[in-house]
PDB file of N, CA and C in Angstrom:
ATOM      1  N   MET A   1     -22.632 -18.221  28.570  1.00  0.00           N
ATOM      2  CA  MET A   1     -22.888 -18.766  27.063  1.00  0.00           C
ATOM      3  C   MET A   1     -22.606 -20.576  27.263  1.00  0.00           C
ATOM      4  N   GLY A   2     -23.060 -20.419  26.165  1.00  0.00           N
ATOM      5  CA  GLY A   2     -22.858 -22.181  26.543  1.00  0.00           C
ATOM      6  C   GLY A   2     -21.666 -22.672  25.343  1.00  0.00           C
ATOM      7  N   ILE A   3     -21.150 -23.940  25.449  1.00  0.00           N
ATOM      8  CA  ILE A   3     -20.007 -24.455  24.954  1.00  0.00           C
ATOM      9  C   ILE A   3     -20.290 -24.074  23.596  1.00  0.00           C
ATOM     10  N   LEU A   4     -21.025 -23.845  22.319  1.00  0.00           N
ATOM     11  CA  LEU A   4     -20.732 -24.461  20.738  1.00  0.00           C
ATOM     12  C   LEU A   4     -20.019 -22.464  20.846  1.00  0.00           C
ATOM     13  N   GLY A   5     -20.236 -21.435  21.665  1.00  0.00           N
ATOM     14  CA  GLY A   5     -20.464 -19.713  21.820  1.00  0.00           C
ATOM     15  C   GLY A   5     -18.855 -20.254  21.680  1.00  0.00           C
ATOM     16  N   LEU A   6     -17.823 -20.917  22.480  1.00  0.00           N
ATOM     17  CA  LEU A   6     -16.908 -21.109  22.917  1.00  0.00           C
ATOM     18  C   LEU A   6     -15.794 -21.648  21.520  1.00  0.00           C
ATOM     19  N   PHE A   7     -16.327 -22.115  20.212  1.00  0.00           N
ATOM     20  CA  PHE A   7     -15.532 -22.866  19.480  1.00  0.00           C
ATOM     21  C   PHE A   7     -16.473 -22.043  18.094  1.00  0.00           C
ATOM     22  N   GLN A   8     -15.357 -21.875  17.375  1.00  0.00           N
ATOM     23  CA  GLN A   8     -15.842 -21.444  16.045  1.00  0.00           C
ATOM     24  C   GLN A   8     -16.412 -22.451  14.981  1.00  0.00           C
ATOM     25  N   SER A   9     -17.373 -21.883  14.214  1.00  0.00           N
ATOM     26  CA  SER A   9     -17.496 -23.242  12.981  1.00  0.00           C
ATOM     27  C   SER A   9     -16.956 -23.293  12.467  1.00  0.00           C
ATOM     28  N   GLU A  10     -16.783 -24.720  11.776  1.00  0.00           N
ATOM     29  CA  GLU A  10     -15.965 -24.846  10.881  1.00  0.00           C
ATOM     30  C   GLU A  10     -15.812 -24.075   9.679  1.00  0.00           C
ATOM     31  N   SER A  11     -16.698 -23.660   8.948  1.00  0.00           N
ATOM     32  CA  SER A  11     -16.629 -22.780   8.172  1.00  0.00           C
ATOM     33  C   SER A  11     -15.879 -21.343   8.558  1.00  0.00           C
ATOM     34  N   ASP A  12     -16.439 -20.830   9.924  1.00  0.00           N
ATOM     35  CA  ASP A  12     -15.306 -19.406  10.242  1.00  0.00           C
ATOM     36  C   ASP A  12     -13.860 -19.962  10.559  1.00  0.00           C
ATOM     37  N   LYS A  13     -13.764 -21.228  10.953  1.00  0.00           N
ATOM     38  CA  LYS A  13     -12.193 -21.402  10.785  1.00  0.00           C
ATOM     39  C   LYS A  13     -11.205 -22.034   9.900  1.00  0.00           C
ATOM     40  N   ARG A  14     -11.557 -22.497   9.161  1.00  0.00           N
ATOM     41  CA  ARG A  14     -11.448 -22.240   7.498  1.00  0.00           C
ATOM     42  C   ARG A  14     -11.140 -21.283   6.898  1.00  0.00           C
ATOM     43  N   ALA A  15     -12.155 -20.041   7.090  1.00  0.00           N
ATOM     44  CA  ALA A  15     -12.008 -18.794   6.354  1.00  0.00           C
ATOM     45  C   ALA A  15     -10.731 -17.841   7.620  1.00  0.00           C
ATOM     46  N   SER A  16     -10.637 -18.411   8.495  1.00  0.00           N
ATOM     47  CA  SER A  16      -9.246 -18.108   9.667  1.00  0.00           C
ATOM     48  C   SER A  16      -8.148 -19.104   8.468  1.00  0.00           C
ATOM     49  N   GLU A  17      -8.226 -19.312   8.484  1.00  0.00           N
ATOM     50  CA  GLU A  17      -6.836 -20.566   8.372  1.00  0.00           C
ATOM     51  C   GLU A  17      -6.659 -20.136   6.819  1.00  0.00           C
ATOM     52  N   ILE A  18      -7.255 -19.645   5.712  1.00  0.00           N
ATOM     53  CA  ILE A  18      -7.486 -18.995   4.866  1.00  0.00           C
ATOM     54  C   ILE A  18      -6.524 -17.931   4.455  1.00  0.00           C
ATOM     55  N   ARG A  19      -7.442 -16.503   5.621  1.00  0.00           N
ATOM     56  CA  ARG A  19      -6.592 -15.512   5.639  1.00  0.00           C
ATOM     57  C   ARG A  19      -4.935 -15.729   6.412  1.00  0.00           C
ATOM     58  N   ALA A  20      -5.088 -16.620   6.860  1.00  0.00           N
ATOM     59  CA  ALA A  20      -3.483 -16.794   7.588  1.00  0.00           C
ATOM     60  C   ALA A  20      -2.562 -17.724   6.995  1.00  0.00           C
ATOM     61  N   GLY A  21      -3.018 -17.885   5.614  1.00  0.00           N
ATOM     62  CA  GLY A  21      -2.001 -18.814   5.144  1.00  0.00           C
ATOM     63  C   GLY A  21      -1.853 -20.068   5.658  1.00  0.00           C
ATOM     64  N   ALA A  22      -2.096 -20.445   6.522  1.00  0.00           N
ATOM     65  CA  ALA A  22      -2.777 -21.573   6.953  1.00  0.00           C
ATOM     66  C   ALA A  22      -2.782 -22.913   6.046  1.00  0.00           C
ATOM     67  N   VAL A  23      -3.909 -22.795   4.649  1.00  0.00           N
ATOM     68  CA  VAL A  23      -4.565 -24.031   4.010  1.00  0.00           C
ATOM     69  C   VAL A  23      -4.595 -23.051   2.803  1.00  0.00           C
ATOM     70  N   VAL A  24      -4.589 -24.062   1.858  1.00  0.00           N
ATOM     71  CA  VAL A  24      -5.037 -23.930   0.530  1.00  0.00           C
ATOM     72  C   VAL A  24      -5.845 -23.335  -0.123  1.00  0.00           C
ATOM     73  N   PRO A  25      -6.740 -22.311  -0.699  1.00  0.00           N
ATOM     74  CA  PRO A  25      -7.844 -21.772  -0.873  1.00  0.00           C
ATOM     75  C   PRO A  25      -8.376 -23.321  -2.042  1.00  0.00           C
ATOM     76  N   THR A  26      -9.656 -23.240  -1.951  1.00  0.00           N
ATOM     77  CA  THR A  26      -9.989 -24.196  -3.162  1.00  0.00           C
ATOM     78  C   THR A  26     -10.641 -23.310  -3.925  1.00  0.00           C
ATOM     79  N   ARG A  27     -11.060 -23.883  -5.297  1.00  0.00           N
ATOM     80  CA  ARG A  27     -11.048 -23.072  -6.493  1.00  0.00           C
ATOM     81  C   ARG A  27     -12.274 -22.732  -6.088  1.00  0.00           C
ATOM     82  N   ALA A  28     -13.837 -22.635  -5.363  1.00  0.00           N
ATOM     83  CA  ALA A  28     -14.757 -22.064  -5.259  1.00  0.00           C
ATOM     84  C   ALA A  28     -14.131 -20.935  -4.196  1.00  0.00           C
ATOM     85  N   GLU A  29     -13.088 -21.029  -3.443  1.00  0.00           N
ATOM     86  CA  GLU A  29     -12.647 -20.308  -2.658  1.00  0.00           C
ATOM     87  C   GLU A  29     -12.075 -19.084  -3.163  1.00  0.00           C
ATOM     88  N   ARG A  30     -11.024 -19.116  -4.046  1.00  0.00           N
ATOM     89  CA  ARG A  30      -9.960 -18.416  -5.100  1.00  0.00           C
ATOM     90  C   ARG A  30     -11.232 -17.789  -5.791  1.00  0.00           C
ATOM     91  N   LYS A  31     -12.188 -18.106  -6.531  1.00  0.00           N
ATOM     92  CA  LYS A  31     -13.525 -17.144  -7.304  1.00  0.00           C
ATOM     93  C   LYS A  31     -14.094 -16.209  -6.012  1.00  0.00           C
ATOM     94  N   ARG A  32     -13.978 -16.646  -4.929  1.00  0.00           N
ATOM     95  CA  ARG A  32     -14.951 -15.728  -4.111  1.00  0.00           C
ATOM     96  C   ARG A  32     -14.043 -14.481  -3.805  1.00  0.00           C
ATOM     97  N   CYS A  33     -12.565 -15.051  -3.321  1.00  0.00           N
ATOM     98  CA  CYS A  33     -11.885 -14.104  -3.218  1.00  0.00           C
ATOM     99  C   CYS A  33     -11.445 -12.768  -4.441  1.00  0.00           C
ATOM    100  N   TRP A  34     -11.123 -13.306  -5.638  1.00  0.00           N
ATOM    101  CA  TRP A  34     -11.280 -12.505  -6.452  1.00  0.00           C
ATOM    102  C   TRP A  34     -12.342 -11.736  -7.290  1.00  0.00           C
ATOM    103  N   GLU A  35     -13.672 -12.357  -6.520  1.00  0.00           N
ATOM    104  CA  GLU A  35     -15.054 -11.417  -6.610  1.00  0.00           C
ATOM    105  C   GLU A  35     -14.746 -10.421  -5.965  1.00  0.00           C
ATOM    106  N   ALA A  36     -14.524 -10.652  -4.933  1.00  0.00           N
ATOM    107  CA  ALA A  36     -14.753  -9.768  -3.570  1.00  0.00           C
ATOM    108  C   ALA A  36     -13.384  -8.620  -3.780  1.00  0.00           C
ATOM    109  N   ARG A  37     -12.215  -9.161  -4.723  1.00  0.00           N
ATOM    110  CA  ARG A  37     -11.284  -8.019  -5.016  1.00  0.00           C
ATOM    111  C   ARG A  37     -11.873  -7.116  -6.085  1.00  0.00           C
ATOM    112  N   ASP A  38     -13.020  -7.814  -6.852  1.00  0.00           N
ATOM    113  CA  ASP A  38     -13.219  -6.725  -8.239  1.00  0.00           C
ATOM    114  C   ASP A  38     -14.276  -5.903  -7.703  1.00  0.00           C
ATOM    115  N   ASP A  39     -14.879  -6.443  -6.663  1.00  0.00           N
ATOM    116  CA  ASP A  39     -15.871  -5.721  -5.978  1.00  0.00           C
ATOM    117  C   ASP A  39     -15.191  -4.629  -5.341  1.00  0.00           C
ATOM    118  N   TYR A  40     -14.423  -4.512  -4.900  1.00  0.00           N
ATOM    119  CA  TYR A  40     -13.374  -4.082  -3.776  1.00  0.00           C
ATOM    120  C   TYR A  40     -12.505  -2.382  -4.920  1.00  0.00           C
ATOM    121  N   PHE A  41     -12.014  -2.939  -5.949  1.00  0.00           N
ATOM    122  CA  PHE A  41     -11.805  -2.353  -6.945  1.00  0.00           C
ATOM    123  C   PHE A  41     -12.545  -1.688  -8.031  1.00  0.00           C
ATOM    124  N   ALA A  42     -13.797  -2.089  -7.925  1.00  0.00           N
ATOM    125  CA  ALA A  42     -14.626  -1.409  -8.753  1.00  0.00           C
ATOM    126  C   ALA A  42     -14.898   0.169  -7.025  1.00  0.00           C
ATOM    127  N   CYS A  43     -15.133  -0.258  -6.189  1.00  0.00           N
ATOM    128  CA  CYS A  43     -15.680   0.840  -5.333  1.00  0.00           C
ATOM    129  C   CYS A  43     -14.463   1.604  -5.513  1.00  0.00           C
ATOM    130  N   LEU A  44     -12.580   1.420  -5.238  1.00  0.00           N
ATOM    131  CA  LEU A  44     -11.790   2.520  -5.731  1.00  0.00           C
ATOM    132  C   LEU A  44     -11.828   3.391  -6.731  1.00  0.00           C
ATOM    133  N   ASP A  45     -12.281   2.269  -7.850  1.00  0.00           N
ATOM    134  CA  ASP A  45     -12.437   3.120  -9.252  1.00  0.00           C
ATOM    135  C   ASP A  45     -13.325   4.272  -9.029  1.00  0.00           C
ATOM    136  N   ALA A  46     -14.702   4.096  -8.292  1.00  0.00           N
ATOM    137  CA  ALA A  46     -15.909   4.454  -8.310  1.00  0.00           C
ATOM    138  C   ALA A  46     -15.359   5.984  -7.427  1.00  0.00           C
ATOM    139  N   SER A  47     -14.906   5.554  -6.844  1.00  0.00           N
ATOM    140  CA  SER A  47     -14.389   6.959  -5.589  1.00  0.00           C
ATOM    141  C   SER A  47     -12.944   7.847  -6.295  1.00  0.00           C
ATOM    142  N   GLY A  48     -12.241   7.231  -6.924  1.00  0.00           N
ATOM    143  CA  GLY A  48     -11.082   7.655  -7.480  1.00  0.00           C
ATOM    144  C   GLY A  48      -9.635   7.675  -6.437  1.00  0.00           C
ATOM    145  N   ILE A  49     -10.048   6.263  -6.167  1.00  0.00           N
ATOM    146  CA  ILE A  49      -8.760   6.038  -4.945  1.00  0.00           C
ATOM    147  C   ILE A  49      -8.186   5.058  -6.118  1.00  0.00           C
ATOM    148  N   VAL A  50      -6.725   5.259  -6.238  1.00  0.00           N
ATOM    149  CA  VAL A  50      -5.471   4.776  -6.606  1.00  0.00           C
ATOM    150  C   VAL A  50      -4.976   3.596  -6.234  1.00  0.00           C
ATOM    151  N   ASP A  51      -4.111   4.414  -4.860  1.00  0.00           N
ATOM    152  CA  ASP A  51      -3.754   3.263  -4.408  1.00  0.00           C
ATOM    153  C   ASP A  51      -3.701   3.016  -2.449  1.00  0.00           C
ATOM    154  N   PRO A  52      -5.035   2.054  -2.381  1.00  0.00           N
ATOM    155  CA  PRO A  52      -5.339   2.068  -0.850  1.00  0.00           C
ATOM    156  C   PRO A  52      -4.417   1.549   0.247  1.00  0.00           C
ATOM    157  N   LEU A  53      -3.242   1.665  -0.014  1.00  0.00           N
ATOM    158  CA  LEU A  53      -2.849   1.492   1.041  1.00  0.00           C
ATOM    159  C   LEU A  53      -1.723   2.846   1.409  1.00  0.00           C
ATOM    160  N   LYS A  54      -1.424   3.747   0.750  1.00  0.00           N
ATOM    161  CA  LYS A  54      -1.575   5.388   0.841  1.00  0.00           C
ATOM    162  C   LYS A  54      -2.550   5.796   0.813  1.00  0.00           C
ATOM    163  N   ASP A  55      -3.730   5.875   0.741  1.00  0.00           N
ATOM    164  CA  ASP A  55      -4.905   6.387   0.824  1.00  0.00           C
ATOM    165  C   ASP A  55      -5.707   5.872   1.840  1.00  0.00           C
ATOM    166  N   GLU A  56      -4.909   5.088   3.018  1.00  0.00           N
ATOM    167  CA  GLU A  56      -5.657   3.742   3.551  1.00  0.00           C
ATOM    168  C   GLU A  56      -7.038   4.748   4.330  1.00  0.00           C
ATOM    169  N   LYS A  57      -7.080   5.488   4.612  1.00  0.00           N
ATOM    170  CA  LYS A  57      -8.142   6.403   5.565  1.00  0.00           C
ATOM    171  C   LYS A  57      -9.467   6.238   4.526  1.00  0.00           C
ATOM    172  N   LYS A  58      -9.088   6.974   3.460  1.00  0.00           N
ATOM    173  CA  LYS A  58      -9.575   7.416   2.171  1.00  0.00           C
ATOM    174  C   LYS A  58     -10.430   6.469   1.729  1.00  0.00           C
ATOM    175  N   ALA A  59      -9.746   5.375   1.790  1.00  0.00           N
ATOM    176  CA  ALA A  59     -10.274   3.535   1.009  1.00  0.00           C
ATOM    177  C   ALA A  59     -11.025   3.269   2.230  1.00  0.00           C
ATOM    178  N   ALA A  60     -11.081   3.605   3.144  1.00  0.00           N
ATOM    179  CA  ALA A  60     -12.187   2.634   4.280  1.00  0.00           C
ATOM    180  C   ALA A  60     -13.083   3.345   4.834  1.00  0.00           C
ATOM    181  N   LYS A  61     -12.899   4.778   4.768  1.00  0.00           N
ATOM    182  CA  LYS A  61     -14.384   5.496   4.698  1.00  0.00           C
ATOM    183  C   LYS A  61     -15.239   5.036   3.317  1.00  0.00           C
ATOM    184  N   ALA A  62     -14.522   4.955   2.069  1.00  0.00           N
ATOM    185  CA  ALA A  62     -15.314   4.546   0.960  1.00  0.00           C
ATOM    186  C   ALA A  62     -15.460   3.887   0.318  1.00  0.00           C
ATOM    187  N   CYS A  63     -15.200   2.719   1.088  1.00  0.00           N
ATOM    188  CA  CYS A  63     -15.524   1.253   0.603  1.00  0.00           C
ATOM    189  C   CYS A  63     -15.143   0.631   1.651  1.00  0.00           C
ATOM    190  N   ALA A  64     -15.651   0.628   2.458  1.00  0.00           N
ATOM    191  CA  ALA A  64     -16.041  -0.125   4.412  1.00  0.00           C
ATOM    192  C   ALA A  64     -16.315  -1.448   3.871  1.00  0.00           C
ATOM    193  N   HIS A  65     -17.855  -1.614   3.276  1.00  0.00           N
ATOM    194  CA  HIS A  65     -18.261  -2.498   2.741  1.00  0.00           C
ATOM    195  C   HIS A  65     -17.359  -3.692   1.978  1.00  0.00           C
ATOM    196  N   GLU A  66     -16.985  -3.069   1.207  1.00  0.00           N
ATOM    197  CA  GLU A  66     -15.857  -4.153   0.122  1.00  0.00           C
ATOM    198  C   GLU A  66     -14.874  -4.770   0.773  1.00  0.00           C
ATOM    199  N   SER A  67     -14.294  -3.916   1.378  1.00  0.00           N
ATOM    200  CA  SER A  67     -13.057  -3.962   1.951  1.00  0.00           C
ATOM    201  C   SER A  67     -13.140  -5.021   2.980  1.00  0.00           C
ATOM    202  N   THR A  68     -14.231  -4.968   4.112  1.00  0.00           N
ATOM    203  CA  THR A  68     -14.276  -6.197   5.030  1.00  0.00           C
ATOM    204  C   THR A  68     -14.678  -7.365   3.830  1.00  0.00           C
ATOM    205  N   GLN A  69     -14.697  -7.188   3.138  1.00  0.00           N
ATOM    206  CA  GLN A  69     -15.706  -8.811   2.184  1.00  0.00           C
ATOM    207  C   GLN A  69     -14.063  -9.228   1.876  1.00  0.00           C
ATOM    208  N   PHE A  70     -13.463  -8.290   1.371  1.00  0.00           N
ATOM    209  CA  PHE A  70     -12.072  -8.473   0.639  1.00  0.00           C
ATOM    210  C   PHE A  70     -11.399  -9.148   1.810  1.00  0.00           C
ATOM    211  N   GLU A  71     -11.098  -8.500   2.758  1.00  0.00           N
ATOM    212  CA  GLU A  71     -10.350  -8.892   3.826  1.00  0.00           C
ATOM    213  C   GLU A  71     -10.819 -10.235   4.262  1.00  0.00           C
ATOM    214  N   ARG A  72     -12.433 -10.862   4.140  1.00  0.00           N
ATOM    215  CA  ARG A  72     -12.840 -12.036   4.581  1.00  0.00           C
ATOM    216  C   ARG A  72     -12.308 -12.918   3.940  1.00  0.00           C
ATOM    217  N   ASP A  73     -12.415 -12.513   2.861  1.00  0.00           N
ATOM    218  CA  ASP A  73     -12.694 -14.100   1.658  1.00  0.00           C
ATOM    219  C   ASP A  73     -11.580 -14.259   0.841  1.00  0.00           C
ATOM    220  N   CYS A  74     -10.482 -13.438   1.504  1.00  0.00           N
ATOM    221  CA  CYS A  74      -8.711 -13.783   0.399  1.00  0.00           C
ATOM    222  C   CYS A  74      -7.679 -14.063   1.760  1.00  0.00           C
ATOM    223  N   ALA A  75      -6.867 -14.428   1.746  1.00  0.00           N
ATOM    224  CA  ALA A  75      -5.438 -14.685   2.352  1.00  0.00           C
ATOM    225  C   ALA A  75      -4.805 -13.439   2.707  1.00  0.00           C
ATOM    226  N   THR A  76      -4.653 -12.928   3.255  1.00  0.00           N
ATOM    227  CA  THR A  76      -4.070 -11.476   4.167  1.00  0.00           C
ATOM    228  C   THR A  76      -3.001 -11.174   3.010  1.00  0.00           C
ATOM    229  N   GLN A  77      -2.367 -12.536   2.994  1.00  0.00           N
ATOM    230  CA  GLN A  77      -0.953 -11.851   1.644  1.00  0.00           C
ATOM    231  C   GLN A  77      -1.601 -11.432   0.191  1.00  0.00           C
ATOM    232  N   TRP A  78      -2.555 -11.922  -0.156  1.00  0.00           N
ATOM    233  CA  TRP A  78      -3.255 -11.983  -0.829  1.00  0.00           C
ATOM    234  C   TRP A  78      -3.427 -10.681  -0.861  1.00  0.00           C
ATOM    235  N   VAL A  79      -4.576 -10.469  -0.414  1.00  0.00           N
ATOM    236  CA  VAL A  79      -5.094  -8.480   0.363  1.00  0.00           C
ATOM    237  C   VAL A  79      -3.702  -7.827  -0.474  1.00  0.00           C
ATOM    238  N   THR A  80      -2.251  -7.507   0.361  1.00  0.00           N
ATOM    239  CA  THR A  80      -1.883  -6.958   0.139  1.00  0.00           C
ATOM    240  C   THR A  80      -0.823  -6.654  -0.884  1.00  0.00           C
ATOM    241  N   TYR A  81      -0.774  -8.155  -1.621  1.00  0.00           N
ATOM    242  CA  TYR A  81      -0.434  -8.408  -3.011  1.00  0.00           C
ATOM    243  C   TYR A  81      -1.133  -7.584  -4.061  1.00  0.00           C
ATOM    244  N   PHE A  82      -2.332  -7.615  -4.129  1.00  0.00           N
ATOM    245  CA  PHE A  82      -3.342  -7.385  -4.839  1.00  0.00           C
ATOM    246  C   PHE A  82      -3.431  -5.880  -4.394  1.00  0.00           C
ATOM    247  N   LYS A  83      -3.401  -5.068  -3.451  1.00  0.00           N
ATOM    248  CA  LYS A  83      -3.379  -4.183  -3.388  1.00  0.00           C
ATOM    249  C   LYS A  83      -2.023  -3.466  -3.717  1.00  0.00           C
ATOM    250  N   LYS A  84      -0.960  -3.755  -3.659  1.00  0.00           N
ATOM    251  CA  LYS A  84       0.333  -3.400  -4.283  1.00  0.00           C
ATOM    252  C   LYS A  84       0.228  -3.441  -5.782  1.00  0.00           C
ATOM    253  N   TRP A  85      -0.361  -4.561  -6.640  1.00  0.00           N
ATOM    254  CA  TRP A  85      -0.772  -4.897  -7.924  1.00  0.00           C
ATOM    255  C   TRP A  85      -1.180  -3.755  -8.621  1.00  0.00           C
ATOM    256  N   ARG A  86      -2.357  -3.708  -7.920  1.00  0.00           N
ATOM    257  CA  ARG A  86      -3.190  -2.329  -8.503  1.00  0.00           C
ATOM    258  C   ARG A  86      -2.633  -0.878  -8.961  1.00  0.00           C
ATOM    259  N   VAL A  87      -1.713  -0.778  -8.152  1.00  0.00           N
ATOM    260  CA  VAL A  87      -1.327   0.576  -8.374  1.00  0.00           C
ATOM    261  C   VAL A  87      -0.239   0.275  -9.308  1.00  0.00           C
ATOM    262  N   GLN A  88       0.503  -1.021  -9.223  1.00  0.00           N
ATOM    263  CA  GLN A  88       1.552  -0.875 -10.860  1.00  0.00           C
ATOM    264  C   GLN A  88       0.895  -1.087 -11.457  1.00  0.00           C
ATOM    265  N   ASP A  89      -0.442  -1.785 -11.797  1.00  0.00           N
ATOM    266  CA  ASP A  89      -1.086  -2.008 -13.344  1.00  0.00           C
ATOM    267  C   ASP A  89      -1.326  -0.932 -13.409  1.00  0.00           C
ATOM    268  N   ILE A  90      -2.116   0.343 -12.560  1.00  0.00           N
ATOM    269  CA  ILE A  90      -1.981   1.268 -13.223  1.00  0.00           C
ATOM    270  C   ILE A  90      -1.363   2.028 -14.041  1.00  0.00           C
ATOM    271  N   GLN A  91      -0.762   2.323 -13.041  1.00  0.00           N
ATOM    272  CA  GLN A  91       0.932   3.194 -13.343  1.00  0.00           C
ATOM    273  C   GLN A  91       1.390   2.312 -14.532  1.00  0.00           C
ATOM    274  N   LYS A  92       0.934   1.005 -15.194  1.00  0.00           N
ATOM    275  CA  LYS A  92       2.249   0.236 -16.392  1.00  0.00           C
ATOM    276  C   LYS A  92       0.605   0.742 -17.175  1.00  0.00           C
ATOM    277  N   LYS A  93      -0.561   0.911 -17.206  1.00  0.00           N
ATOM    278  CA  LYS A  93      -1.256   1.007 -18.387  1.00  0.00           C
ATOM    279  C   LYS A  93      -0.963   2.527 -18.863  1.00  0.00           C
ATOM    280  N   ALA A  94      -1.005   3.748 -17.800  1.00  0.00           N
ATOM    281  CA  ALA A  94      -0.727   4.531 -18.082  1.00  0.00           C
ATOM    282  C   ALA A  94       0.317   5.137 -19.244  1.00  0.00           C
ATOM    283  N   ARG A  95       1.624   4.069 -18.301  1.00  0.00           N
ATOM    284  CA  ARG A  95       2.776   4.538 -19.301  1.00  0.00           C
ATOM    285  C   ARG A  95       2.619   4.156 -20.742  1.00  0.00           C
ATOM    286  N   LEU A  96       1.736   2.961 -20.998  1.00  0.00           N
ATOM    287  CA  LEU A  96       1.794   3.052 -21.691  1.00  0.00           C
ATOM    288  C   LEU A  96       1.001   3.098 -22.723  1.00  0.00           C
ATOM    289  N   LYS A  97      -0.215   3.760 -22.253  1.00  0.00           N
ATOM    290  CA  LYS A  97      -1.033   5.138 -22.943  1.00  0.00           C
ATOM    291  C   LYS A  97      -0.227   6.049 -23.934  1.00  0.00           C
ATOM    292  N   GLU A  98       0.721   6.784 -22.372  1.00  0.00           N
ATOM    293  CA  GLU A  98       2.038   7.470 -23.043  1.00  0.00           C
ATOM    294  C   GLU A  98       2.656   6.882 -24.459  1.00  0.00           C
ATOM    295  N   LEU A  99       3.289   6.067 -23.921  1.00  0.00           N
ATOM    296  CA  LEU A  99       4.252   5.660 -25.125  1.00  0.00           C
ATOM    297  C   LEU A  99       3.321   5.425 -26.519  1.00  0.00           C
ATOM    298  N   GLU A 100       2.178   4.891 -26.141  1.00  0.00           N
ATOM    299  CA  GLU A 100       1.435   4.835 -28.027  1.00  0.00           C
ATOM    300  C   GLU A 100       1.287   6.307 -28.379  1.00  0.00           C
ATOM    301  N   ALA A 101       0.660   7.562 -27.267  1.00  0.00           N
ATOM    302  CA  ALA A 101       0.262   8.447 -27.726  1.00  0.00           C
ATOM    303  C   ALA A 101       1.774   9.384 -28.510  1.00  0.00           C
ATOM    304  N   GLN A 102       3.181   8.495 -28.124  1.00  0.00           N
ATOM    305  CA  GLN A 102       4.390   9.089 -28.612  1.00  0.00           C
ATOM    306  C   GLN A 102       4.522   8.444 -29.877  1.00  0.00           C
ATOM    307  N   GLY A 103       3.958   7.833 -30.119  1.00  0.00           N
ATOM    308  CA  GLY A 103       4.294   6.408 -31.408  1.00  0.00           C
ATOM    309  C   GLY A 103       4.543   5.276 -31.361  1.00  0.00           C
ATOM    310  N   ALA A 104       4.834   4.799 -29.954  1.00  0.00           N
ATOM    311  CA  ALA A 104       5.239   3.692 -29.783  1.00  0.00           C
ATOM    312  C   ALA A 104       4.499   2.923 -30.446  1.00  0.00           C
ATOM    313  N   ASN A 105       5.069   1.359 -30.943  1.00  0.00           N
ATOM    314  CA  ASN A 105       4.466   0.031 -31.676  1.00  0.00           C
ATOM    315  C   ASN A 105       3.339  -0.412 -30.334  1.00  0.00           C
ATOM    316  N   LYS A 106       2.248  -0.926 -30.651  1.00  0.00           N
ATOM    317  CA  LYS A 106       1.539  -1.813 -29.237  1.00  0.00           C
ATOM    318  C   LYS A 106       1.664  -3.129 -29.552  1.00  0.00           C
ATOM    319  N   LEU A 107       1.785  -3.682 -28.676  1.00  0.00           N
ATOM    320  CA  LEU A 107       2.135  -5.204 -28.399  1.00  0.00           C
ATOM    321  C   LEU A 107       0.622  -5.825 -27.764  1.00  0.00           C
ATOM    322  N   ASP A 108       0.158  -6.677 -27.603  1.00  0.00           N
ATOM    323  CA  ASP A 108      -1.058  -8.425 -26.965  1.00  0.00           C
ATOM    324  C   ASP A 108      -0.314  -8.522 -25.966  1.00  0.00           C
ATOM    325  N   VAL A 109      -0.605  -7.531 -24.937  1.00  0.00           N
ATOM    326  CA  VAL A 109      -0.058  -7.876 -23.632  1.00  0.00           C
ATOM    327  C   VAL A 109      -1.157  -7.859 -22.796  1.00  0.00           C
ATOM    328  N   ALA A 110      -1.315  -9.264 -21.975  1.00  0.00           N
ATOM    329  CA  ALA A 110      -2.163  -9.208 -20.676  1.00  0.00           C
ATOM    330  C   ALA A 110      -1.755  -8.624 -19.590  1.00  0.00           C
ATOM    331  N   THR A 111      -2.202  -7.190 -19.262  1.00  0.00           N
ATOM    332  CA  THR A 111      -2.353  -6.733 -17.902  1.00  0.00           C
ATOM    333  C   THR A 111      -3.319  -6.873 -16.843  1.00  0.00           C
ATOM    334  N   ASP A 112      -4.033  -7.758 -16.660  1.00  0.00           N
ATOM    335  CA  ASP A 112      -5.130  -7.681 -15.781  1.00  0.00           C
ATOM    336  C   ASP A 112      -5.245  -8.883 -15.742  1.00  0.00           C
ATOM    337  N   PHE A 113      -6.023  -9.630 -14.606  1.00  0.00           N
ATOM    338  CA  PHE A 113      -6.254 -10.681 -14.019  1.00  0.00           C
ATOM    339  C   PHE A 113      -7.525 -11.656 -15.277  1.00  0.00           C
ATOM    340  N   THR A 114      -7.809 -10.880 -15.767  1.00  0.00           N
ATOM    341  CA  THR A 114      -9.101 -11.116 -16.619  1.00  0.00           C
ATOM    342  C   THR A 114      -8.558 -12.436 -17.524  1.00  0.00           C
ATOM    343  N   ALA A 115      -9.878 -13.078 -17.861  1.00  0.00           N
ATOM    344  CA  ALA A 115      -9.114 -14.169 -18.824  1.00  0.00           C
ATOM    345  C   ALA A 115      -9.487 -13.549 -20.232  1.00  0.00           C
ATOM    346  N   ARG A 116      -8.669 -14.322 -21.019  1.00  0.00           N
ATOM    347  CA  ARG A 116      -8.708 -13.678 -22.430  1.00  0.00           C
ATOM    348  C   ARG A 116      -9.419 -14.608 -23.496  1.00  0.00           C
ATOM    349  N   LYS A 117      -9.845 -13.933 -24.227  1.00  0.00           N
ATOM    350  CA  LYS A 117     -11.224 -14.715 -24.978  1.00  0.00           C
ATOM    351  C   LYS A 117     -11.076 -14.587 -26.646  1.00  0.00           C
TER     352      LYS A 117
END
């Protein structure tokens, strides 16, 4: 093994530092994380999985590629946060729909990460 095999590339080192929370991601790195998150969530939606933490084995089988990308491109704490946020957001949207069906007044409130237009 050559001397280069002993060391990580700068981009691999930076990615490891981001995953560990040792450095703050740049705007481009955050964008890459959010895109990986969105792809992962789309896969979970297509597979009928709401809670990837509770249904970990099912999520790992159905969305292995997307999960790998998500975990590679985001800080570990962000991955956990987004997975928990997903469940809460789905529950919140279901509750709002239920309340509207019961005649509650609708308020214009953002319930996702997408930018408003």
